[in-house]
Protein backbone atom coordinates (compact mmCIF):
# COMPACT_ATOMS: atom_id res chain seq x y z
CA MET A 1 -7.29 -71.76 -29.75
CA PRO A 2 -7.77 -73.56 -26.40
CA SER A 3 -10.65 -75.97 -26.00
CA VAL A 4 -13.69 -75.05 -23.95
CA PHE A 5 -12.73 -77.36 -21.10
CA THR A 6 -9.08 -76.25 -21.12
CA VAL A 7 -10.13 -72.62 -20.83
CA LEU A 8 -12.61 -73.38 -18.06
CA SER A 9 -10.06 -75.39 -16.08
CA GLY A 10 -7.55 -72.58 -16.50
CA GLU A 11 -10.15 -70.07 -15.34
CA LEU A 12 -10.94 -72.11 -12.25
CA HIS A 13 -7.26 -72.75 -11.59
CA ASN A 14 -6.37 -69.07 -11.60
CA ARG A 15 -9.35 -67.92 -9.59
CA SER A 16 -11.34 -69.78 -6.98
CA LEU A 17 -14.81 -70.94 -7.95
CA ARG A 18 -16.24 -68.75 -5.23
CA GLU A 19 -14.67 -65.63 -6.75
CA LEU A 20 -15.89 -66.69 -10.18
CA MET A 21 -19.45 -67.03 -8.89
CA ARG A 22 -19.25 -63.53 -7.42
CA THR A 23 -18.08 -61.95 -10.66
CA VAL A 24 -20.72 -63.60 -12.85
CA PRO A 25 -24.12 -61.83 -12.90
CA PRO A 26 -26.83 -63.90 -11.12
CA ARG A 27 -28.91 -64.21 -14.30
CA GLN A 28 -25.97 -65.88 -16.06
CA LEU A 29 -25.66 -68.42 -13.23
CA VAL A 30 -29.08 -69.95 -13.93
CA PRO A 31 -27.69 -72.45 -16.50
CA PHE A 32 -24.99 -73.50 -14.02
CA TRP A 33 -27.42 -74.26 -11.20
CA GLY A 34 -29.82 -75.91 -13.64
CA ALA A 35 -27.05 -78.20 -14.84
CA ILE A 36 -26.21 -79.13 -11.24
CA PHE A 37 -29.90 -79.89 -10.56
CA PHE A 38 -30.35 -82.25 -13.52
CA THR A 39 -27.00 -83.95 -12.89
CA PHE A 40 -28.08 -84.95 -9.37
CA ALA A 41 -31.60 -85.75 -10.56
CA ILE A 42 -30.12 -88.65 -12.55
CA VAL A 43 -29.41 -90.35 -9.22
CA GLY A 44 -33.14 -90.42 -8.41
CA PHE A 45 -33.96 -92.27 -11.65
CA SER A 46 -31.02 -94.63 -11.07
CA VAL A 47 -32.28 -95.58 -7.62
CA ASP A 48 -35.68 -96.34 -9.08
CA VAL A 49 -34.04 -98.63 -11.65
CA PHE A 50 -32.30 -100.59 -8.88
CA GLN A 51 -35.68 -100.96 -7.18
CA ARG A 52 -37.14 -102.18 -10.50
CA GLY A 53 -39.79 -99.46 -10.63
CA ARG A 54 -41.62 -100.50 -7.50
CA ARG A 55 -41.63 -97.02 -6.01
CA PRO A 56 -44.94 -95.10 -6.36
CA LEU A 57 -44.83 -92.45 -9.07
CA PRO A 58 -45.40 -89.48 -6.67
CA MET A 59 -42.52 -90.81 -4.57
CA LEU A 60 -40.27 -91.01 -7.65
CA VAL A 61 -41.03 -87.41 -8.57
CA PHE A 62 -40.27 -86.29 -5.03
CA VAL A 63 -36.96 -88.20 -4.93
CA VAL A 64 -35.81 -86.76 -8.26
CA ILE A 65 -36.64 -83.19 -7.23
CA SER A 66 -35.22 -83.51 -3.72
CA LEU A 67 -31.92 -84.99 -4.96
CA GLY A 68 -31.64 -82.26 -7.57
CA LEU A 69 -32.17 -79.54 -4.96
CA LEU A 70 -29.79 -81.29 -2.58
CA GLY A 71 -27.15 -81.23 -5.29
CA VAL A 72 -27.64 -77.49 -5.85
CA ALA A 73 -27.46 -76.82 -2.11
CA THR A 74 -24.36 -79.02 -1.76
CA VAL A 75 -22.46 -77.22 -4.49
CA TYR A 76 -23.54 -73.79 -3.22
CA TRP A 77 -22.49 -74.52 0.36
CA GLU A 78 -19.26 -76.12 -0.80
CA ILE A 79 -18.40 -73.01 -2.82
CA ASN A 80 -19.08 -70.86 0.23
CA GLN A 81 -17.18 -73.27 2.51
CA ARG A 82 -20.18 -74.23 4.62
CA ARG A 83 -19.51 -77.94 4.70
CA ARG A 84 -21.43 -78.53 7.92
CA LEU A 85 -24.63 -77.52 6.15
CA VAL A 86 -23.89 -80.11 3.46
CA VAL A 87 -23.79 -82.85 6.10
CA VAL A 88 -26.96 -81.55 7.78
CA ALA A 89 -28.83 -81.35 4.47
CA ALA A 90 -27.76 -84.86 3.45
CA PHE A 91 -28.84 -86.28 6.81
CA ALA A 92 -32.18 -84.46 6.62
CA ASN A 93 -32.75 -85.75 3.10
CA VAL A 94 -32.03 -89.36 4.13
CA LEU A 95 -34.31 -89.01 7.14
CA LEU A 96 -37.13 -87.59 5.02
CA LEU A 97 -36.78 -90.36 2.45
CA SER A 98 -36.91 -93.01 5.14
CA ILE A 99 -40.12 -91.48 6.49
CA LEU A 100 -41.67 -91.33 3.02
CA ASN A 101 -40.69 -94.93 2.39
CA ARG A 102 -42.83 -95.88 5.37
CA VAL A 103 -45.73 -93.73 4.14
CA PHE A 104 -45.37 -94.92 0.52
CA PRO A 105 -44.03 -98.50 0.72
CA LEU A 106 -42.60 -100.18 -2.36
CA GLN A 107 -45.10 -101.99 -4.56
CA ASP A 108 -44.98 -105.79 -4.63
CA ALA A 109 -44.81 -106.16 -8.42
CA PRO A 110 -42.38 -104.18 -10.61
CA ASP A 111 -43.87 -101.95 -13.30
CA PRO A 112 -42.19 -102.61 -16.71
CA ARG A 113 -43.34 -99.24 -17.99
CA ARG A 114 -41.48 -97.51 -15.14
CA LEU A 115 -38.13 -98.75 -16.40
CA THR A 116 -38.85 -97.02 -19.69
CA LEU A 117 -39.79 -93.89 -17.76
CA ASP A 118 -36.57 -94.09 -15.71
CA ALA A 119 -34.42 -94.54 -18.81
CA SER A 120 -36.16 -91.64 -20.52
CA GLY A 121 -35.72 -89.49 -17.41
CA MET A 122 -32.00 -90.28 -17.15
CA LEU A 123 -31.46 -89.61 -20.85
CA ALA A 124 -33.36 -86.34 -20.73
CA SER A 125 -31.49 -85.25 -17.57
CA VAL A 126 -28.12 -85.99 -19.17
CA ILE A 127 -29.00 -84.02 -22.31
CA VAL A 128 -30.40 -81.04 -20.40
CA ALA A 129 -27.50 -80.98 -17.92
CA PHE A 130 -24.94 -81.14 -20.72
CA TRP A 131 -26.68 -78.38 -22.68
CA LEU A 132 -26.90 -76.12 -19.63
CA PHE A 133 -23.26 -76.74 -18.72
CA PHE A 134 -22.19 -76.03 -22.28
CA HIS A 135 -24.25 -72.83 -22.33
CA PHE A 136 -22.68 -71.66 -19.06
CA ILE A 137 -19.15 -72.62 -20.13
CA GLY A 138 -19.63 -70.79 -23.43
CA GLY A 139 -20.32 -67.54 -21.59
CA THR A 140 -17.40 -68.12 -19.24
CA VAL A 141 -15.05 -68.79 -22.14
CA ALA A 142 -16.20 -65.65 -23.94
CA ARG A 143 -15.49 -63.52 -20.87
CA TYR A 144 -12.18 -65.29 -20.33
CA LEU A 145 -10.99 -64.78 -23.90
CA ARG A 146 -12.02 -61.12 -23.87
CA ALA A 147 -10.13 -60.57 -20.63
CA GLN A 148 -7.09 -62.44 -21.95
CA ALA A 149 -7.08 -60.36 -25.13
CA GLU A 150 -7.22 -57.14 -23.11
CA ILE A 151 -4.43 -58.32 -20.81
CA ALA A 152 -2.29 -59.38 -23.77
CA LEU A 153 -2.77 -55.95 -25.36
CA ALA A 154 -1.87 -54.22 -22.08
CA ARG A 155 1.19 -56.47 -21.75
CA ASP A 156 2.38 -55.55 -25.24
CA ILE A 157 1.87 -51.85 -24.52
CA HIS A 158 3.83 -52.25 -21.28
CA ARG A 159 6.77 -53.78 -23.17
CA VAL A 160 6.81 -50.79 -25.50
CA LEU A 161 6.55 -48.26 -22.68
CA VAL A 162 9.11 -49.92 -20.40
CA PRO A 163 11.91 -51.42 -22.50
CA VAL A 164 15.33 -52.34 -21.14
CA VAL A 165 17.45 -49.18 -20.92
CA THR A 166 20.99 -49.32 -22.27
CA ALA A 167 22.24 -45.86 -23.16
CA THR A 168 25.22 -43.54 -23.07
CA HIS A 169 25.02 -39.75 -22.85
CA GLY A 170 28.32 -37.90 -22.70
CA GLU A 171 30.37 -39.18 -19.78
CA TYR A 172 27.47 -41.20 -18.32
CA GLU A 173 26.32 -44.72 -19.03
CA PHE A 174 22.93 -46.16 -18.06
CA PHE A 175 21.37 -49.56 -17.55
CA GLY A 176 17.85 -50.18 -16.30
CA PHE A 177 15.00 -52.63 -16.54
CA SER A 178 11.63 -53.38 -14.96
CA GLU A 179 10.30 -56.87 -14.29
CA PRO A 180 6.55 -56.86 -13.52
CA SER A 181 5.16 -59.19 -10.89
CA GLY A 182 2.05 -59.85 -12.99
CA ASP A 183 0.88 -59.51 -16.56
CA VAL A 184 0.98 -55.71 -16.46
CA GLY A 185 3.40 -53.74 -14.32
CA GLY A 186 3.06 -50.37 -12.63
CA ASP A 187 6.78 -49.60 -12.46
CA LEU A 188 8.62 -47.41 -14.93
CA VAL A 189 12.26 -46.82 -15.83
CA ASP A 190 13.27 -44.27 -18.44
CA VAL A 191 16.24 -42.22 -19.62
CA VAL A 192 15.68 -39.22 -21.88
CA GLY A 193 18.62 -37.45 -23.53
CA GLY A 194 18.78 -34.25 -25.55
CA ASP A 195 20.84 -31.20 -26.35
CA ALA A 196 20.18 -29.76 -22.90
CA GLY A 197 21.36 -32.89 -21.10
CA TRP A 198 19.62 -36.00 -19.87
CA VAL A 199 17.10 -37.14 -17.26
CA GLY A 200 16.89 -40.64 -15.79
CA TYR A 201 14.18 -41.81 -13.42
CA VAL A 202 12.28 -44.73 -11.97
CA ALA A 203 8.65 -44.57 -10.86
CA ASP A 204 6.29 -46.88 -9.01
CA VAL A 205 2.51 -46.55 -9.28
CA SER A 206 0.51 -47.66 -6.25
CA GLY A 207 -1.46 -50.84 -6.80
CA HIS A 208 -1.12 -53.53 -9.43
CA GLY A 209 -2.60 -54.61 -12.72
CA VAL A 210 -4.05 -52.73 -15.65
CA GLY A 211 -5.11 -49.69 -13.62
CA ALA A 212 -1.58 -49.11 -12.36
CA GLY A 213 -0.27 -49.67 -15.89
CA VAL A 214 -2.56 -46.95 -17.26
CA VAL A 215 -1.39 -44.43 -14.66
CA MET A 216 2.20 -45.44 -15.40
CA ALA A 217 1.68 -44.68 -19.10
CA MET A 218 0.17 -41.28 -18.24
CA PHE A 219 3.11 -40.51 -15.96
CA LYS A 220 5.66 -41.33 -18.67
CA SER A 221 3.77 -39.26 -21.26
CA ALA A 222 3.57 -36.29 -18.89
CA VAL A 223 7.26 -36.50 -18.05
CA ARG A 224 8.33 -36.73 -21.67
CA MET A 225 6.10 -33.82 -22.63
CA ARG A 226 7.44 -31.72 -19.74
CA LEU A 227 11.05 -32.47 -20.72
CA MET A 228 10.49 -30.64 -24.01
CA THR A 229 10.84 -27.42 -22.02
CA ALA A 230 13.66 -26.35 -19.72
CA GLY A 231 13.39 -26.54 -15.96
CA SER A 232 14.70 -28.21 -12.85
CA VAL A 233 13.82 -31.75 -11.80
CA ALA A 234 11.84 -30.26 -8.89
CA ASN A 235 9.70 -28.25 -11.31
CA LEU A 236 9.30 -31.38 -13.43
CA LEU A 237 7.78 -33.31 -10.49
CA GLY A 238 5.55 -30.38 -9.60
CA ASP A 239 4.16 -30.00 -13.11
CA VAL A 240 3.55 -33.74 -13.51
CA ASN A 241 1.82 -33.75 -10.11
CA ARG A 242 -0.64 -31.09 -11.27
CA VAL A 243 -1.31 -33.01 -14.49
CA LEU A 244 -1.99 -36.35 -12.80
CA ILE A 245 -4.20 -35.16 -9.91
CA PRO A 246 -7.45 -34.86 -11.96
CA LEU A 247 -6.73 -37.90 -14.17
CA LYS A 248 -6.54 -40.70 -11.61
CA GLU A 249 -8.46 -42.19 -8.71
CA SER A 250 -7.96 -40.41 -5.41
CA ASN A 251 -6.29 -43.40 -3.75
CA MET A 252 -3.62 -43.77 -6.42
CA PHE A 253 -0.22 -42.07 -6.43
CA VAL A 254 3.22 -42.40 -8.00
CA THR A 255 6.55 -42.55 -6.20
CA ALA A 256 9.54 -41.43 -8.25
CA ALA A 257 13.30 -40.98 -8.07
CA CYS A 258 14.82 -38.63 -10.66
CA VAL A 259 18.34 -37.62 -11.71
CA ARG A 260 19.13 -34.80 -14.12
CA SER A 261 22.43 -33.77 -15.56
CA GLY A 262 23.71 -30.46 -14.15
CA GLY A 263 27.17 -29.00 -14.31
CA ARG A 264 30.25 -30.95 -15.26
CA ASP A 265 30.74 -32.47 -11.81
CA THR A 266 27.22 -32.22 -10.39
CA LEU A 267 23.83 -33.83 -10.83
CA GLU A 268 20.36 -32.74 -9.76
CA CYS A 269 18.49 -35.39 -7.78
CA ALA A 270 15.02 -35.61 -6.25
CA VAL A 271 12.74 -38.27 -4.83
CA ALA A 272 8.97 -38.19 -4.30
CA GLY A 273 7.74 -40.80 -1.83
CA HIS A 274 10.42 -43.15 -3.15
CA LEU A 275 13.43 -45.00 -1.83
CA PRO A 276 16.49 -42.72 -1.59
CA ILE A 277 18.93 -42.39 -4.46
CA VAL A 278 22.24 -43.95 -3.45
CA ARG A 279 25.67 -42.82 -4.64
CA ILE A 280 28.43 -45.41 -4.44
CA ARG A 281 31.94 -44.01 -4.36
CA GLY A 282 34.92 -46.26 -3.77
CA GLY A 283 32.61 -49.13 -2.80
CA VAL A 284 30.90 -47.06 -0.07
CA PRO A 285 27.14 -46.37 -0.45
CA GLU A 286 25.65 -43.04 0.61
CA GLU A 287 22.08 -41.73 0.42
CA VAL A 288 22.06 -38.40 -1.43
CA THR A 289 18.35 -37.46 -1.34
CA THR A 290 15.77 -36.56 1.28
CA PRO A 291 12.19 -37.92 1.41
CA GLN A 292 9.21 -36.01 0.00
CA LEU A 293 5.54 -36.69 -0.73
CA ALA A 294 4.65 -38.93 -3.66
CA VAL A 295 3.36 -37.50 -6.92
CA GLY A 296 -0.44 -37.32 -7.07
CA MET A 297 -1.14 -37.31 -3.33
CA LEU A 298 -1.85 -33.59 -2.87
CA ASP A 299 -2.72 -30.86 -5.34
CA ALA A 300 -0.32 -28.14 -4.20
CA VAL A 301 3.12 -29.56 -3.44
CA ASP A 302 6.46 -27.82 -3.75
CA PHE A 303 9.06 -30.44 -4.57
CA GLN A 304 12.72 -29.87 -3.78
CA ALA A 305 15.88 -31.17 -5.45
CA SER A 306 19.43 -31.53 -4.22
CA ILE A 307 22.71 -30.93 -6.03
CA VAL A 308 24.92 -34.00 -5.83
CA GLU A 309 28.61 -34.15 -6.67
CA CYS A 310 29.47 -36.89 -9.16
CA ARG A 311 33.07 -37.87 -9.85
CA CYS A 312 34.46 -40.26 -12.43
CA GLY A 313 33.68 -43.83 -11.33
CA ASP A 314 30.73 -42.84 -9.12
CA LEU A 315 27.66 -45.05 -9.41
CA LEU A 316 24.09 -43.91 -8.71
CA VAL A 317 21.48 -46.52 -7.83
CA LEU A 318 17.72 -46.05 -8.23
CA MET A 319 15.47 -48.99 -7.33
CA THR A 320 11.87 -49.70 -6.37
CA ASP A 321 10.66 -51.41 -3.21
CA GLY A 322 9.80 -54.55 -5.17
CA ILE A 323 13.45 -55.48 -4.70
CA THR A 324 13.88 -54.51 -1.08
CA GLU A 325 10.52 -55.82 0.14
CA VAL A 326 10.99 -59.53 -0.46
CA PHE A 327 10.76 -61.93 2.45
CA ASP A 328 12.34 -65.29 3.24
CA ASN A 329 10.61 -68.24 4.90
CA GLU A 330 11.03 -66.61 8.31
CA GLN A 331 9.46 -63.33 7.07
CA ARG A 332 12.76 -61.47 7.19
CA GLU A 333 12.96 -58.64 4.67
CA LEU A 334 15.86 -58.24 2.27
CA GLY A 335 15.92 -54.53 3.12
CA PHE A 336 17.20 -51.38 1.47
CA GLU A 337 20.53 -51.37 3.30
CA HIS A 338 21.36 -54.94 2.33
CA ALA A 339 20.38 -54.29 -1.30
CA THR A 340 22.68 -51.26 -1.51
CA GLN A 341 25.52 -53.21 0.06
CA LEU A 342 25.10 -55.88 -2.62
CA VAL A 343 25.44 -53.24 -5.32
CA ALA A 344 28.42 -51.61 -3.58
CA ALA A 345 30.25 -54.95 -3.42
CA HIS A 346 30.16 -55.19 -7.23
CA SER A 347 30.14 -51.48 -8.14
CA THR A 348 33.12 -51.73 -10.52
CA GLN A 349 31.54 -54.42 -12.69
CA PRO A 350 29.49 -53.74 -15.86
CA LEU A 351 26.13 -52.18 -15.09
CA ALA A 352 24.09 -55.04 -16.55
CA GLU A 353 25.97 -57.54 -14.41
CA ILE A 354 25.43 -55.46 -11.27
CA ALA A 355 21.69 -55.32 -11.95
CA GLU A 356 21.53 -59.06 -12.59
CA ARG A 357 23.35 -59.79 -9.32
CA LEU A 358 20.99 -57.53 -7.37
CA VAL A 359 17.83 -59.07 -8.78
CA ALA A 360 19.23 -62.60 -8.44
CA ALA A 361 19.94 -61.93 -4.76
CA ALA A 362 16.39 -60.64 -4.27
CA ARG A 363 14.88 -63.69 -5.99
CA ALA A 364 17.09 -66.01 -3.93
CA HIS A 365 15.96 -64.28 -0.74
CA GLY A 366 12.23 -64.66 -1.41
CA ALA A 367 9.42 -64.75 -3.93
CA GLN A 368 8.73 -61.66 -6.04
CA LEU A 369 5.68 -59.86 -4.65
CA ASP A 370 5.90 -56.57 -6.53
CA ASP A 371 7.38 -55.12 -9.72
CA GLN A 372 11.18 -55.03 -9.53
CA THR A 373 12.87 -52.07 -11.20
CA VAL A 374 16.48 -50.84 -11.24
CA LEU A 375 18.28 -47.95 -12.89
CA LEU A 376 22.09 -47.68 -12.62
CA ILE A 377 23.95 -44.53 -13.68
CA ARG A 378 27.74 -44.37 -13.77
CA ARG A 379 30.08 -41.56 -14.69
CA ARG A 380 32.77 -43.14 -16.80
């Protein structure tokens, strides 16, 4: 179990303090601002100690309050990146204090009782500030731990839903995996085999995070349920489209690339808003699908599929744009064509090795910005 201060520092490290302030309800920020006030108020009592209690009592009260409010304003403006206001407020505070010092000059003789008052004020300010900080941190930690628990649960569910695919069905071998860019991915890779043949596909849900992961899980469930009945891959996409439309937010959709076993020498392929499926034959890549709308964009969509010849040794490549859309330091994209050429150059090697080379090339080209998913299908 992490300590309170470790959790808080981790929270502030992962998200800016400004974003944290915006997500916390205003009522729960009262302890935070109160702690800031009493922390800066200590300075007012300290100054009075250095002056040996010669400042008039009304002046001491004003200094303590003004420094506390200045501290609150400083932190608030710093969080909102208004540093010029911090300088203006500090200058105004110094100017006001200098004027009040003329109106209320220091007393000639120190007041021994004031030192006791200053010490009591500093001690009380420290205790109150610490208690308020601890109260605020406690609420932050509780929210942080709840969020971490939910993310950990979603991450575990994602691992179950999107395992590494290593399978063989008849004359075909498969290898696929999905590497999320965050804690929870929105990409999906799956191969389903049965007596009627097999279906392999990759899918990419728009957006990131838990929301995309939920839609991804619904998409996989709908596909698996639909595969229990016969039908073409085009009908599969159409039925899943009708299922997802009322179950998601209007701005979310799913791109997909699907391959289904057909005759002995043919496969049925379809894409929906996705990168094309590429067939590599003799080291030469060729796009074998045509673009269509993504799943979940419109209610009534008629998806189409194409019949693709597949000979022994042919390799089919399905990938998401998380691989192709990586950028180097000069903002040059890896690109779909370059990615397919990388696969074609090693198309005779084991599938797992081809996938590793492709992802390694993408990572070497630039930082991962999106989920990276690959499915390789080869006729042996």
